[in-house]
Amino acid sequence: MYKEGDTIVNLDIETIDGKKIEIGKNQWIVLYFYPKDDTPGCTIQAKTFSELYDEFKNLNVEVIGISRDNSNNHQKFIQKHNLKINLVSDKDNKIASLFGVEGKLFFSRDTILIDPNGKVAKIWRKVSPSKNPHEIIEFIKKYNSERKI
């Protein structure tokens, strides 16, 4: 199980539209795990990430939502709410288990932030759906400003 400070190795992530996400390729990666498509908290979280999409892009951040829902459900969720983020189906729990995300039927609401070098920069557990996207932006801004000193 990966912890903060660990370097990610051999992790292949493919979004529902076939886009392959490469870890450690000079961009930040947000892996946010959520329980279920189109439920109140999950919708708030996905919409908040989408509303902040341009700010994430300006910070060189790729946002990926991960649940156990299948690709068809993810596609409906994206279309219904005009989401701008990538979604991944982790039905077999392969990705979630790498990061200690809990949940037998549904994932706990956890967020993993991976830095541009492929290291786990921060792990948030049981996050607030509306606040967590803002927390991530603030963390990255602070991280970037400290590195420029």
C-alpha atoms as a PDB file:
ATOM      1  CA  MET A   1       0.000   0.000   0.000  1.00  0.00           C
ATOM      2  CA  TYR A   2       1.358   3.417  -0.983  1.00  0.00           C
ATOM      3  CA  LYS A   3       1.895   6.086   1.663  1.00  0.00           C
ATOM      4  CA  GLU A   4       2.793   9.777   1.474  1.00  0.00           C
ATOM      5  CA  GLY A   5       6.314  10.123   0.086  1.00  0.00           C
ATOM      6  CA  ASP A   6       6.266   6.807  -1.806  1.00  0.00           C
ATOM      7  CA  THR A   7       7.056   6.746  -5.526  1.00  0.00           C
ATOM      8  CA  ILE A   8       4.367   5.147  -7.676  1.00  0.00           C
ATOM      9  CA  VAL A   9       5.601   2.325  -9.901  1.00  0.00           C
ATOM     10  CA  ASN A  10       3.799   0.234 -12.510  1.00  0.00           C
ATOM     11  CA  LEU A  11       0.412   1.894 -12.220  1.00  0.00           C
ATOM     12  CA  ASP A  12      -1.619   1.907 -15.412  1.00  0.00           C
ATOM     13  CA  ILE A  13      -4.751   4.038 -15.369  1.00  0.00           C
ATOM     14  CA  GLU A  14      -7.124   4.177 -18.299  1.00  0.00           C
ATOM     15  CA  THR A  15     -10.156   6.449 -18.332  1.00  0.00           C
ATOM     16  CA  ILE A  16     -13.527   5.310 -19.651  1.00  0.00           C
ATOM     17  CA  ASP A  17     -12.808   6.984 -22.998  1.00  0.00           C
ATOM     18  CA  GLY A  18      -9.540   5.069 -23.411  1.00  0.00           C
ATOM     19  CA  LYS A  19      -7.146   7.833 -22.351  1.00  0.00           C
ATOM     20  CA  LYS A  20      -4.043   6.429 -20.647  1.00  0.00           C
ATOM     21  CA  ILE A  21      -2.823   8.427 -17.662  1.00  0.00           C
ATOM     22  CA  GLU A  22       0.919   8.349 -17.098  1.00  0.00           C
ATOM     23  CA  ILE A  23       2.181   8.844 -13.555  1.00  0.00           C
ATOM     24  CA  GLY A  24       5.349  10.886 -13.085  1.00  0.00           C
ATOM     25  CA  LYS A  25       5.239  12.615 -16.454  1.00  0.00           C
ATOM     26  CA  ASN A  26       5.654  16.190 -15.228  1.00  0.00           C
ATOM     27  CA  GLN A  27       2.078  16.764 -14.145  1.00  0.00           C
ATOM     28  CA  TRP A  28       0.152  16.500 -10.914  1.00  0.00           C
ATOM     29  CA  ILE A  29      -2.412  13.692 -10.698  1.00  0.00           C
ATOM     30  CA  VAL A  30      -5.470  13.804  -8.443  1.00  0.00           C
ATOM     31  CA  LEU A  31      -7.024  10.399  -7.841  1.00  0.00           C
ATOM     32  CA  TYR A  32     -10.244  10.984  -6.008  1.00  0.00           C
ATOM     33  CA  PHE A  33     -12.197   7.947  -4.902  1.00  0.00           C
ATOM     34  CA  TYR A  34     -15.924   8.278  -4.397  1.00  0.00           C
ATOM     35  CA  PRO A  35     -18.806   5.928  -3.528  1.00  0.00           C
ATOM     36  CA  LYS A  36     -21.250   6.067  -6.450  1.00  0.00           C
ATOM     37  CA  ASP A  37     -22.148   8.045  -9.572  1.00  0.00           C
ATOM     38  CA  ASP A  38     -25.040  10.480  -9.414  1.00  0.00           C
ATOM     39  CA  THR A  39     -25.574  10.409  -5.652  1.00  0.00           C
ATOM     40  CA  PRO A  40     -25.775  13.766  -3.813  1.00  0.00           C
ATOM     41  CA  GLY A  41     -22.259  13.971  -2.304  1.00  0.00           C
ATOM     42  CA  CYS A  42     -20.579  12.423  -5.327  1.00  0.00           C
ATOM     43  CA  THR A  43     -22.350  14.814  -7.666  1.00  0.00           C
ATOM     44  CA  ILE A  44     -21.290  17.818  -5.570  1.00  0.00           C
ATOM     45  CA  GLN A  45     -17.686  16.631  -5.599  1.00  0.00           C
ATOM     46  CA  ALA A  46     -17.585  15.916  -9.350  1.00  0.00           C
ATOM     47  CA  LYS A  47     -19.259  19.227 -10.183  1.00  0.00           C
ATOM     48  CA  THR A  48     -16.866  21.135  -7.911  1.00  0.00           C
ATOM     49  CA  PHE A  49     -13.860  19.531  -9.597  1.00  0.00           C
ATOM     50  CA  SER A  50     -15.406  20.413 -12.980  1.00  0.00           C
ATOM     51  CA  GLU A  51     -16.097  24.015 -11.949  1.00  0.00           C
ATOM     52  CA  LEU A  52     -12.421  24.325 -10.976  1.00  0.00           C
ATOM     53  CA  TYR A  53     -11.231  22.536 -14.133  1.00  0.00           C
ATOM     54  CA  ASP A  54      -9.475  25.578 -15.636  1.00  0.00           C
ATOM     55  CA  GLU A  55      -7.673  26.321 -12.388  1.00  0.00           C
ATOM     56  CA  PHE A  56      -6.497  22.707 -12.163  1.00  0.00           C
ATOM     57  CA  LYS A  57      -5.300  22.829 -15.796  1.00  0.00           C
ATOM     58  CA  ASN A  58      -3.408  26.073 -15.112  1.00  0.00           C
ATOM     59  CA  LEU A  59      -1.621  24.258 -12.271  1.00  0.00           C
ATOM     60  CA  ASN A  60      -0.848  21.302 -14.584  1.00  0.00           C
ATOM     61  CA  VAL A  61      -3.167  18.920 -12.747  1.00  0.00           C
ATOM     62  CA  GLU A  62      -5.028  15.925 -14.186  1.00  0.00           C
ATOM     63  CA  VAL A  63      -8.143  15.098 -12.129  1.00  0.00           C
ATOM     64  CA  ILE A  64      -9.414  11.510 -12.152  1.00  0.00           C
ATOM     65  CA  GLY A  65     -12.522  10.317 -10.332  1.00  0.00           C
ATOM     66  CA  ILE A  66     -12.579   6.625  -9.434  1.00  0.00           C
ATOM     67  CA  SER A  67     -15.487   4.473  -8.294  1.00  0.00           C
ATOM     68  CA  ARG A  68     -16.706   0.934  -8.785  1.00  0.00           C
ATOM     69  CA  ASP A  69     -19.379   2.079 -11.231  1.00  0.00           C
ATOM     70  CA  ASN A  70     -19.070   0.696 -14.746  1.00  0.00           C
ATOM     71  CA  SER A  71     -18.128   2.753 -17.798  1.00  0.00           C
ATOM     72  CA  ASN A  72     -21.731   3.071 -18.950  1.00  0.00           C
ATOM     73  CA  ASN A  73     -22.790   4.607 -15.625  1.00  0.00           C
ATOM     74  CA  HIS A  74     -19.763   6.912 -15.697  1.00  0.00           C
ATOM     75  CA  GLN A  75     -20.669   8.104 -19.186  1.00  0.00           C
ATOM     76  CA  LYS A  76     -24.245   8.901 -18.114  1.00  0.00           C
ATOM     77  CA  PHE A  77     -22.921  10.740 -15.050  1.00  0.00           C
ATOM     78  CA  ILE A  78     -20.578  12.843 -17.198  1.00  0.00           C
ATOM     79  CA  GLN A  79     -23.300  13.722 -19.689  1.00  0.00           C
ATOM     80  CA  LYS A  80     -26.004  14.472 -17.119  1.00  0.00           C
ATOM     81  CA  HIS A  81     -23.830  16.944 -15.209  1.00  0.00           C
ATOM     82  CA  ASN A  82     -21.529  18.175 -18.025  1.00  0.00           C
ATOM     83  CA  LEU A  83     -18.474  16.990 -16.128  1.00  0.00           C
ATOM     84  CA  LYS A  84     -15.032  17.996 -17.398  1.00  0.00           C
ATOM     85  CA  ILE A  85     -13.041  15.469 -15.375  1.00  0.00           C
ATOM     86  CA  ASN A  86     -11.898  11.970 -16.260  1.00  0.00           C
ATOM     87  CA  LEU A  87     -13.594   8.979 -14.664  1.00  0.00           C
ATOM     88  CA  VAL A  88     -12.199   5.486 -14.136  1.00  0.00           C
ATOM     89  CA  SER A  89     -13.996   2.269 -13.283  1.00  0.00           C
ATOM     90  CA  ASP A  90     -12.232   0.227 -10.607  1.00  0.00           C
ATOM     91  CA  LYS A  91     -14.699  -2.638 -10.276  1.00  0.00           C
ATOM     92  CA  ASP A  92     -12.049  -5.108  -9.144  1.00  0.00           C
ATOM     93  CA  ASN A  93     -10.578  -2.718  -6.535  1.00  0.00           C
ATOM     94  CA  LYS A  94      -7.063  -2.871  -8.028  1.00  0.00           C
ATOM     95  CA  ILE A  95      -6.321   0.849  -7.853  1.00  0.00           C
ATOM     96  CA  ALA A  96      -8.147   1.479  -4.570  1.00  0.00           C
ATOM     97  CA  SER A  97      -6.277  -1.309  -2.799  1.00  0.00           C
ATOM     98  CA  LEU A  98      -2.925   0.276  -3.738  1.00  0.00           C
ATOM     99  CA  PHE A  99      -3.861   3.340  -1.691  1.00  0.00           C
ATOM    100  CA  GLY A 100      -5.745   1.751   1.193  1.00  0.00           C
ATOM    101  CA  VAL A 101      -9.125   3.087   0.112  1.00  0.00           C
ATOM    102  CA  GLU A 102     -11.766   1.355   2.213  1.00  0.00           C
ATOM    103  CA  GLY A 103     -15.168  -0.005   1.318  1.00  0.00           C
ATOM    104  CA  LYS A 104     -16.603  -3.412   0.506  1.00  0.00           C
ATOM    105  CA  LEU A 105     -19.461  -2.193  -1.710  1.00  0.00           C
ATOM    106  CA  PHE A 106     -18.551   1.464  -2.192  1.00  0.00           C
ATOM    107  CA  PHE A 107     -15.256   3.307  -1.872  1.00  0.00           C
ATOM    108  CA  SER A 108     -14.678   5.728   0.966  1.00  0.00           C
ATOM    109  CA  ARG A 109     -14.293   9.332  -0.154  1.00  0.00           C
ATOM    110  CA  ASP A 110     -10.480   9.564  -0.247  1.00  0.00           C
ATOM    111  CA  THR A 111      -8.155  11.667  -2.388  1.00  0.00           C
ATOM    112  CA  ILE A 112      -4.585  10.894  -3.417  1.00  0.00           C
ATOM    113  CA  LEU A 113      -2.372  13.640  -4.840  1.00  0.00           C
ATOM    114  CA  ILE A 114       0.628  12.510  -6.888  1.00  0.00           C
ATOM    115  CA  ASP A 115       3.318  15.053  -7.686  1.00  0.00           C
ATOM    116  CA  PRO A 116       4.894  15.581 -11.138  1.00  0.00           C
ATOM    117  CA  ASN A 117       7.725  13.180 -10.241  1.00  0.00           C
ATOM    118  CA  GLY A 118       5.353  10.327  -9.418  1.00  0.00           C
ATOM    119  CA  LYS A 119       5.485  10.579  -5.616  1.00  0.00           C
ATOM    120  CA  VAL A 120       2.462  10.520  -3.338  1.00  0.00           C
ATOM    121  CA  ALA A 121       2.426  14.129  -2.143  1.00  0.00           C
ATOM    122  CA  LYS A 122      -0.683  14.006   0.051  1.00  0.00           C
ATOM    123  CA  ILE A 123      -3.480  11.654   1.076  1.00  0.00           C
ATOM    124  CA  TRP A 124      -6.808  12.954   2.340  1.00  0.00           C
ATOM    125  CA  ARG A 125      -9.212  10.464   3.958  1.00  0.00           C
ATOM    126  CA  LYS A 126     -12.999  10.767   4.218  1.00  0.00           C
ATOM    127  CA  VAL A 127     -13.045  14.203   2.615  1.00  0.00           C
ATOM    128  CA  SER A 128     -15.756  16.827   2.282  1.00  0.00           C
ATOM    129  CA  PRO A 129     -17.131  16.660  -1.291  1.00  0.00           C
ATOM    130  CA  SER A 130     -17.359  20.447  -1.640  1.00  0.00           C
ATOM    131  CA  LYS A 131     -14.172  21.429   0.207  1.00  0.00           C
ATOM    132  CA  ASN A 132     -11.625  18.860  -0.978  1.00  0.00           C
ATOM    133  CA  PRO A 133     -11.120  20.221  -4.522  1.00  0.00           C
ATOM    134  CA  HIS A 134     -10.296  23.620  -3.002  1.00  0.00           C
ATOM    135  CA  GLU A 135      -7.944  22.006  -0.444  1.00  0.00           C
ATOM    136  CA  ILE A 136      -6.024  20.366  -3.282  1.00  0.00           C
ATOM    137  CA  ILE A 137      -5.581  23.644  -5.161  1.00  0.00           C
ATOM    138  CA  GLU A 138      -4.345  25.376  -2.006  1.00  0.00           C
ATOM    139  CA  PHE A 139      -1.937  22.522  -1.269  1.00  0.00           C
ATOM    140  CA  ILE A 140      -0.450  22.641  -4.786  1.00  0.00           C
ATOM    141  CA  LYS A 141      -0.128  26.444  -4.738  1.00  0.00           C
ATOM    142  CA  LYS A 142       1.642  26.312  -1.375  1.00  0.00           C
ATOM    143  CA  TYR A 143       3.872  23.450  -2.546  1.00  0.00           C
ATOM    144  CA  ASN A 144       4.796  25.335  -5.730  1.00  0.00           C
ATOM    145  CA  SER A 145       5.512  28.603  -3.888  1.00  0.00           C
ATOM    146  CA  GLU A 146       7.758  26.828  -1.362  1.00  0.00           C
ATOM    147  CA  ARG A 147       9.750  25.234  -4.185  1.00  0.00           C
ATOM    148  CA  LYS A 148      10.420  28.610  -5.850  1.00  0.00           C
ATOM    149  CA  ILE A 149      12.127  30.030  -2.759  1.00  0.00           C
END
